[in-house]
């Protein structure tokens, strides 16, 4: 009908409101099944009943389902199949750059492929590896070295952003990555050298990750290594030590 007009009655892929409309549609379906959105993350939905506990994590149309009951999982997937086009991919192995390895001792989360892609983007896939992410003697400051050219500064920010996503399974480099993040506004060649040092360490430890296993206690334990007196930045600022020295080991 070449002389007819189409009236849009719902959001389609490619339109600005499509993600919002899809999330609202999926969220309404999950609430109808008893799920409640998390107050900490709107992409996480939780179902808690005496007989079953379920967690659903949503990224657009990719969904992770964790359940304490296999039969309840099957019923939920069948019910969703009546409303949406659902494809059950089975046990989780890969999700948004995260690789999941299953064993009798628990789960191991790694980002080996993602780290290789990051090294390839930086042109350091065949670089010499390093045993540590930072040098113990070098002190990064905002004015040390020459400013990077605009195109190099853009690459700096891109690689540092990629390292931030790598922190999901690599908290051991969080301190080093947080340090180089402080100079995104005006990176210099000394900061770029520090980023390359982190990448050399990533190449050496590409298979490292997080191992999750059942524990008798429900308490969360964390460890920090704070060196407030060793922070050379913002001298005279009472907040300086707190802003730049806290990291995980």
Protein backbone atom coordinates (compact mmCIF):
# COMPACT_ATOMS: atom_id res chain seq x y z
CA UNK A 1 0.00 0.00 0.00
CA UNK A 2 2.36 2.80 -1.18
CA UNK A 3 -0.13 5.58 -0.34
CA UNK A 4 -0.78 4.42 3.26
CA UNK A 5 0.91 5.67 6.42
CA UNK A 6 2.01 3.58 9.40
CA UNK A 7 1.06 4.58 12.89
CA UNK A 8 3.63 3.40 15.50
CA UNK A 9 1.88 1.77 18.45
CA UNK A 10 4.89 0.27 20.22
CA UNK A 11 8.65 0.82 20.50
CA UNK A 12 10.79 -1.10 18.03
CA UNK A 13 14.47 -1.97 17.92
CA UNK A 14 16.60 1.01 16.99
CA UNK A 15 14.35 3.68 18.48
CA UNK A 16 15.48 5.77 21.44
CA UNK A 17 12.73 4.52 23.75
CA UNK A 18 13.12 0.85 22.77
CA UNK A 19 15.42 -0.15 25.70
CA UNK A 20 13.18 1.61 28.20
CA UNK A 21 10.04 0.03 26.77
CA UNK A 22 11.60 -3.44 26.73
CA UNK A 23 12.82 -3.16 30.33
CA UNK A 24 9.37 -2.02 31.44
CA UNK A 25 7.74 -4.94 29.60
CA UNK A 26 10.15 -7.51 31.01
CA UNK A 27 9.99 -5.98 34.50
CA UNK A 28 6.20 -6.17 34.50
CA UNK A 29 6.34 -9.87 33.53
CA UNK A 30 8.87 -10.60 36.29
CA UNK A 31 6.78 -8.78 38.89
CA UNK A 32 3.77 -10.83 37.84
CA UNK A 33 5.79 -13.95 38.73
CA UNK A 34 6.64 -12.57 42.17
CA UNK A 35 10.06 -11.03 41.47
CA UNK A 36 11.05 -7.76 43.13
CA UNK A 37 13.67 -5.40 41.61
CA UNK A 38 16.73 -4.82 43.75
CA UNK A 39 17.12 -1.36 45.25
CA UNK A 40 20.87 -1.51 44.53
CA UNK A 41 20.63 -2.55 40.87
CA UNK A 42 17.49 -2.19 38.75
CA UNK A 43 18.73 -4.98 36.46
CA UNK A 44 18.60 -7.50 39.32
CA UNK A 45 15.30 -9.16 40.27
CA UNK A 46 14.88 -11.33 43.36
CA UNK A 47 12.26 -13.94 44.29
CA UNK A 48 12.31 -15.21 47.87
CA UNK A 49 9.81 -17.79 49.04
CA UNK A 50 10.02 -20.51 51.70
CA UNK A 51 10.47 -23.21 49.08
CA UNK A 52 12.71 -21.41 46.57
CA UNK A 53 15.05 -18.44 46.09
CA UNK A 54 15.77 -17.04 42.64
CA UNK A 55 17.92 -14.27 41.24
CA UNK A 56 17.56 -12.92 37.71
CA UNK A 57 20.15 -10.56 36.23
CA UNK A 58 19.12 -8.81 33.00
CA UNK A 59 21.26 -7.17 30.33
CA UNK A 60 18.90 -6.13 27.51
CA UNK A 61 17.68 -9.57 26.36
CA UNK A 62 20.49 -11.66 27.89
CA UNK A 63 19.40 -13.10 31.23
CA UNK A 64 21.20 -15.03 33.98
CA UNK A 65 18.98 -17.11 36.25
CA UNK A 66 20.20 -18.48 39.59
CA UNK A 67 17.82 -20.72 41.48
CA UNK A 68 17.81 -23.02 44.49
CA UNK A 69 15.31 -25.36 42.79
CA UNK A 70 15.73 -26.99 39.37
CA UNK A 71 12.01 -27.75 39.09
CA UNK A 72 11.09 -24.12 39.85
CA UNK A 73 13.56 -23.03 37.16
CA UNK A 74 11.92 -25.30 34.57
CA UNK A 75 8.46 -23.96 35.46
CA UNK A 76 9.64 -20.36 35.17
CA UNK A 77 11.30 -20.94 31.79
CA UNK A 78 8.18 -22.66 30.48
CA UNK A 79 5.97 -19.83 31.73
CA UNK A 80 8.22 -17.22 30.12
CA UNK A 81 8.18 -19.20 26.89
CA UNK A 82 4.47 -18.52 26.63
CA UNK A 83 5.09 -14.74 26.68
CA UNK A 84 8.48 -14.31 25.01
CA UNK A 85 10.69 -16.11 22.54
CA UNK A 86 12.97 -17.84 25.04
CA UNK A 87 16.07 -19.87 24.26
CA UNK A 88 17.53 -21.83 27.14
CA UNK A 89 21.32 -21.89 26.72
CA UNK A 90 21.86 -24.21 29.67
CA UNK A 91 24.58 -23.78 32.26
CA UNK A 92 26.31 -20.41 32.24
CA UNK A 93 29.74 -20.38 30.55
CA UNK A 94 30.17 -16.89 29.07
CA UNK A 95 28.44 -13.57 29.75
CA UNK A 96 29.55 -10.07 28.73
CA UNK A 97 33.24 -10.96 28.68
CA UNK A 98 33.09 -13.09 31.85
CA UNK A 99 34.06 -16.74 31.53
CA UNK A 100 32.55 -19.13 34.08
CA UNK A 101 34.24 -22.44 34.90
CA UNK A 102 32.26 -24.97 36.95
CA UNK A 103 33.85 -27.48 39.31
CA UNK A 104 32.98 -29.46 42.42
CA UNK A 105 34.66 -26.79 44.51
CA UNK A 106 32.54 -23.92 43.17
CA UNK A 107 32.75 -21.40 40.35
CA UNK A 108 35.77 -19.66 38.83
CA UNK A 109 35.20 -16.34 37.08
CA UNK A 110 37.84 -15.14 34.62
CA UNK A 111 38.15 -12.63 31.79
CA UNK A 112 40.93 -14.31 29.83
CA UNK A 113 39.49 -13.62 26.38
CA UNK A 114 38.61 -10.05 27.33
CA UNK A 115 42.15 -9.41 28.60
CA UNK A 116 43.56 -10.77 25.34
CA UNK A 117 41.29 -8.46 23.36
CA UNK A 118 42.39 -5.53 25.54
CA UNK A 119 46.06 -6.31 24.92
CA UNK A 120 45.34 -6.54 21.19
CA UNK A 121 43.66 -3.11 21.23
CA UNK A 122 46.72 -1.63 22.92
CA UNK A 123 49.10 -3.35 20.50
CA UNK A 124 50.73 -5.26 23.37
CA UNK A 125 49.63 -8.80 22.67
CA UNK A 126 53.27 -9.91 22.37
CA UNK A 127 54.72 -7.56 24.98
CA UNK A 128 57.17 -8.60 27.66
CA UNK A 129 55.31 -9.64 30.81
CA UNK A 130 55.78 -8.06 34.23
CA UNK A 131 55.59 -9.67 37.66
CA UNK A 132 53.85 -6.73 39.36
CA UNK A 133 51.24 -4.19 38.14
CA UNK A 134 53.19 -1.15 39.43
CA UNK A 135 56.72 -0.21 40.31
CA UNK A 136 57.39 0.21 44.01
CA UNK A 137 59.74 3.14 43.39
CA UNK A 138 57.93 5.21 40.75
CA UNK A 139 55.65 7.94 42.11
CA UNK A 140 52.94 9.16 39.76
CA UNK A 141 52.08 12.84 39.89
CA UNK A 142 49.85 15.07 37.79
CA UNK A 143 52.78 17.08 36.35
CA UNK A 144 55.40 14.40 35.75
CA UNK A 145 56.28 13.96 32.07
CA UNK A 146 55.01 15.50 28.83
CA UNK A 147 51.37 15.76 27.86
CA UNK A 148 50.14 13.16 25.39
CA UNK A 149 48.97 14.16 21.95
CA UNK A 150 45.15 14.30 21.56
CA UNK A 151 44.94 10.96 19.73
CA UNK A 152 47.22 9.29 22.29
CA UNK A 153 45.17 10.78 25.14
CA UNK A 154 42.03 9.28 23.60
CA UNK A 155 43.70 5.87 23.41
CA UNK A 156 44.85 6.27 27.01
CA UNK A 157 41.29 6.85 28.20
CA UNK A 158 40.00 3.93 26.13
CA UNK A 159 42.55 1.47 27.51
CA UNK A 160 42.06 2.66 31.10
CA UNK A 161 38.30 2.25 30.67
CA UNK A 162 38.92 -1.31 29.49
CA UNK A 163 41.06 -1.97 32.55
CA UNK A 164 38.24 -0.74 34.78
CA UNK A 165 35.93 -3.42 33.35
CA UNK A 166 38.65 -6.01 33.96
CA UNK A 167 38.40 -5.24 37.69
CA UNK A 168 35.26 -7.37 37.88
CA UNK A 169 37.41 -10.48 38.25
CA UNK A 170 40.79 -8.85 38.94
CA UNK A 171 40.58 -6.86 42.21
CA UNK A 172 44.33 -7.37 42.64
CA UNK A 173 44.99 -4.59 40.09
CA UNK A 174 42.34 -2.21 41.42
CA UNK A 175 44.82 0.04 43.20
CA UNK A 176 47.04 0.43 40.12
CA UNK A 177 44.06 1.04 37.83
CA UNK A 178 42.57 3.59 40.21
CA UNK A 179 45.86 5.46 40.22
CA UNK A 180 46.02 5.83 36.44
CA UNK A 181 42.32 6.80 36.40
CA UNK A 182 43.21 9.98 38.31
CA UNK A 183 44.91 11.44 35.22
CA UNK A 184 42.24 10.91 32.56
CA UNK A 185 41.71 14.65 32.13
CA UNK A 186 45.35 15.34 31.18
CA UNK A 187 47.38 12.15 30.76
CA UNK A 188 51.15 12.35 30.33
CA UNK A 189 53.77 9.95 29.04
CA UNK A 190 54.63 8.84 32.59
CA UNK A 191 51.00 7.85 33.14
CA UNK A 192 50.95 5.97 29.82
CA UNK A 193 54.06 4.07 30.93
CA UNK A 194 52.23 3.08 34.12
CA UNK A 195 49.29 1.81 32.04
CA UNK A 196 51.65 -0.25 29.90
CA UNK A 197 53.13 -1.73 33.08
CA UNK A 198 49.64 -2.83 34.14
CA UNK A 199 49.03 -4.37 30.70
CA UNK A 200 52.33 -6.26 30.90
CA UNK A 201 51.19 -7.67 34.25
CA UNK A 202 47.80 -8.58 32.75
CA UNK A 203 49.58 -10.54 30.03
CA UNK A 204 51.49 -12.45 32.71
CA UNK A 205 48.35 -13.19 34.74
CA UNK A 206 45.69 -13.47 32.04
CA UNK A 207 44.23 -16.67 33.50
CA UNK A 208 43.78 -15.19 37.00
CA UNK A 209 40.24 -14.76 38.29
CA UNK A 210 37.88 -15.15 41.21
CA UNK A 211 37.05 -18.49 42.78
CA UNK A 212 33.64 -18.64 44.46
CA UNK A 213 32.91 -21.51 46.80
CA UNK A 214 30.31 -22.31 49.47
CA UNK A 215 31.10 -21.09 52.96
CA UNK A 216 29.66 -21.98 56.32
CA UNK A 217 29.45 -18.35 57.34
CA UNK A 218 27.35 -15.77 55.51
CA UNK A 219 29.69 -12.95 56.51
CA UNK A 220 31.67 -11.05 53.85
CA UNK A 221 35.36 -10.53 54.60
CA UNK A 222 37.42 -7.80 52.95
CA UNK A 223 41.03 -6.69 53.27
CA UNK A 224 42.53 -3.29 52.57
CA UNK A 225 46.06 -1.94 52.38
CA UNK A 226 46.04 1.80 53.03
CA UNK A 227 49.24 3.84 52.77
CA UNK A 228 47.99 7.34 53.46
CA UNK A 229 51.41 8.73 54.36
CA UNK A 230 52.86 7.51 51.06
CA UNK A 231 50.45 9.52 48.91
CA UNK A 232 52.29 12.43 47.24
CA UNK A 233 49.16 14.12 45.86
CA UNK A 234 47.16 17.07 47.17
CA UNK A 235 49.58 18.07 49.91
CA UNK A 236 47.77 20.17 52.45
CA UNK A 237 44.35 18.81 51.50
CA UNK A 238 42.95 16.84 54.48
CA UNK A 239 41.03 14.67 52.01
CA UNK A 240 44.09 13.89 49.89
CA UNK A 241 45.18 10.69 51.60
CA UNK A 242 41.69 9.27 51.62
CA UNK A 243 41.11 9.98 47.94
CA UNK A 244 44.15 8.26 46.54
CA UNK A 245 45.42 5.60 48.91
CA UNK A 246 42.71 3.02 49.55
CA UNK A 247 43.02 -0.21 47.61
CA UNK A 248 42.35 -3.93 47.81
CA UNK A 249 45.01 -6.61 48.13
